[in-house]
Protein backbone atom coordinates (compact mmCIF):
# COMPACT_ATOMS: atom_id res chain seq x y z
CA UNK A 1 -39.32 46.89 -273.79
CA UNK A 2 -39.70 42.76 -273.49
CA UNK A 3 -36.87 42.13 -274.37
CA UNK A 4 -35.46 44.60 -271.86
CA UNK A 5 -37.52 42.92 -269.01
CA UNK A 6 -35.89 39.54 -269.66
CA UNK A 7 -32.59 40.70 -270.10
CA UNK A 8 -32.97 42.80 -266.66
CA UNK A 9 -34.22 38.87 -265.23
CA UNK A 10 -31.49 37.40 -266.75
CA UNK A 11 -29.22 40.10 -265.14
CA UNK A 12 -30.60 39.79 -261.47
CA UNK A 13 -29.97 36.33 -261.73
CA UNK A 14 -26.29 36.63 -263.11
CA UNK A 15 -25.86 38.95 -260.01
CA UNK A 16 -27.19 36.66 -257.65
CA UNK A 17 -24.97 34.14 -258.67
CA UNK A 18 -22.08 36.63 -258.24
CA UNK A 19 -23.27 37.70 -254.46
CA UNK A 20 -21.38 34.80 -252.92
CA UNK A 21 -17.77 35.69 -251.77
CA UNK A 22 -16.57 31.83 -252.55
CA UNK A 23 -17.58 32.27 -256.24
CA UNK A 24 -16.04 35.49 -256.60
CA UNK A 25 -13.07 34.00 -255.12
CA UNK A 26 -13.16 30.77 -257.72
CA UNK A 27 -13.61 33.45 -260.73
CA UNK A 28 -10.32 35.13 -259.73
CA UNK A 29 -8.43 32.09 -259.13
CA UNK A 30 -9.17 31.11 -262.82
CA UNK A 31 -8.51 34.40 -264.33
CA UNK A 32 -5.29 33.42 -265.67
CA UNK A 33 -5.37 29.72 -266.41
CA UNK A 34 -7.48 26.57 -266.10
CA UNK A 35 -7.26 24.67 -263.35
CA UNK A 36 -8.27 20.77 -262.59
CA UNK A 37 -11.12 20.62 -259.86
CA UNK A 38 -9.00 19.09 -257.28
CA UNK A 39 -5.98 21.73 -257.74
CA UNK A 40 -9.23 24.41 -257.15
CA UNK A 41 -10.81 23.38 -254.59
CA UNK A 42 -7.23 23.29 -252.97
CA UNK A 43 -6.64 27.02 -253.92
CA UNK A 44 -9.80 28.55 -252.90
CA UNK A 45 -9.99 25.75 -249.64
CA UNK A 46 -13.37 24.32 -250.12
CA UNK A 47 -14.48 20.37 -250.41
CA UNK A 48 -15.01 18.81 -253.51
CA UNK A 49 -19.02 18.72 -253.32
CA UNK A 50 -18.85 22.46 -252.03
CA UNK A 51 -16.95 23.22 -255.35
CA UNK A 52 -18.57 21.00 -257.62
CA UNK A 53 -22.13 23.08 -256.47
CA UNK A 54 -20.36 26.07 -257.00
CA UNK A 55 -19.09 25.52 -260.39
CA UNK A 56 -22.34 23.52 -261.18
CA UNK A 57 -24.43 26.86 -260.60
CA UNK A 58 -21.70 29.18 -262.44
CA UNK A 59 -21.47 26.74 -265.30
CA UNK A 60 -25.15 26.74 -265.74
CA UNK A 61 -24.98 30.52 -266.13
CA UNK A 62 -22.45 31.09 -268.82
CA UNK A 63 -19.69 32.12 -265.86
CA UNK A 64 -17.27 29.19 -266.50
CA UNK A 65 -16.75 26.47 -268.57
CA UNK A 66 -14.98 22.95 -268.51
CA UNK A 67 -13.06 20.39 -270.30
CA UNK A 68 -12.55 16.94 -269.55
CA UNK A 69 -8.83 15.11 -270.35
CA UNK A 70 -8.55 11.36 -268.97
CA UNK A 71 -9.70 11.51 -265.24
CA UNK A 72 -8.88 15.41 -264.41
CA UNK A 73 -12.14 18.19 -265.22
CA UNK A 74 -10.57 21.51 -265.86
CA UNK A 75 -12.43 24.87 -265.70
CA UNK A 76 -11.70 28.27 -266.98
CA UNK A 77 -13.55 31.77 -266.88
CA UNK A 78 -15.92 31.64 -269.91
CA UNK A 79 -15.47 35.22 -271.16
CA UNK A 80 -13.06 37.99 -270.19
CA UNK A 81 -15.81 40.15 -270.02
CA UNK A 82 -16.85 38.70 -266.80
CA UNK A 83 -13.45 39.29 -265.31
CA UNK A 84 -13.46 42.96 -267.02
CA UNK A 85 -17.08 43.36 -265.27
CA UNK A 86 -15.85 42.19 -261.92
CA UNK A 87 -12.43 44.38 -262.18
CA UNK A 88 -14.60 47.31 -262.58
CA UNK A 89 -17.11 46.80 -259.61
CA UNK A 90 -14.10 46.08 -257.36
CA UNK A 91 -12.77 49.93 -258.60
CA UNK A 92 -16.29 51.01 -257.87
CA UNK A 93 -15.97 49.58 -254.26
CA UNK A 94 -11.88 50.91 -253.79
CA UNK A 95 -13.36 54.11 -254.52
CA UNK A 96 -16.16 54.01 -252.13
CA UNK A 97 -14.25 52.89 -249.18
CA UNK A 98 -11.52 55.46 -249.99
CA UNK A 99 -14.50 58.24 -250.15
CA UNK A 100 -15.35 56.63 -246.69
CA UNK A 101 -12.39 56.55 -244.80
CA UNK A 102 -11.63 60.08 -245.67
CA UNK A 103 -14.87 61.36 -244.25
CA UNK A 104 -14.03 59.47 -241.40
CA UNK A 105 -10.66 61.28 -240.81
CA UNK A 106 -12.26 64.82 -241.28
CA UNK A 107 -14.70 63.45 -238.48
CA UNK A 108 -11.78 62.73 -236.32
């Protein structure tokens, strides 16, 4: 039971990290390939200091990994399971929006 509580706490912290739309955008941008920090900052339209903060937090929670090559730092999603989980959540949200839309149509 103590281990379950610890997992619940870790899960809640991870969900807090994922509660940022910009962090979700970063993860989806890295979905297919790794990118340099500079290219990633341009792709998601953030400043380098802001991107650095997001990436640092996501790296700390095991969402992204990095490697240095020359002067560039490359980032990638740490696990395909992260993306699969995010895709599942998106599917649930799309289903909810469709149900809400049908309800609105019935009311009108």
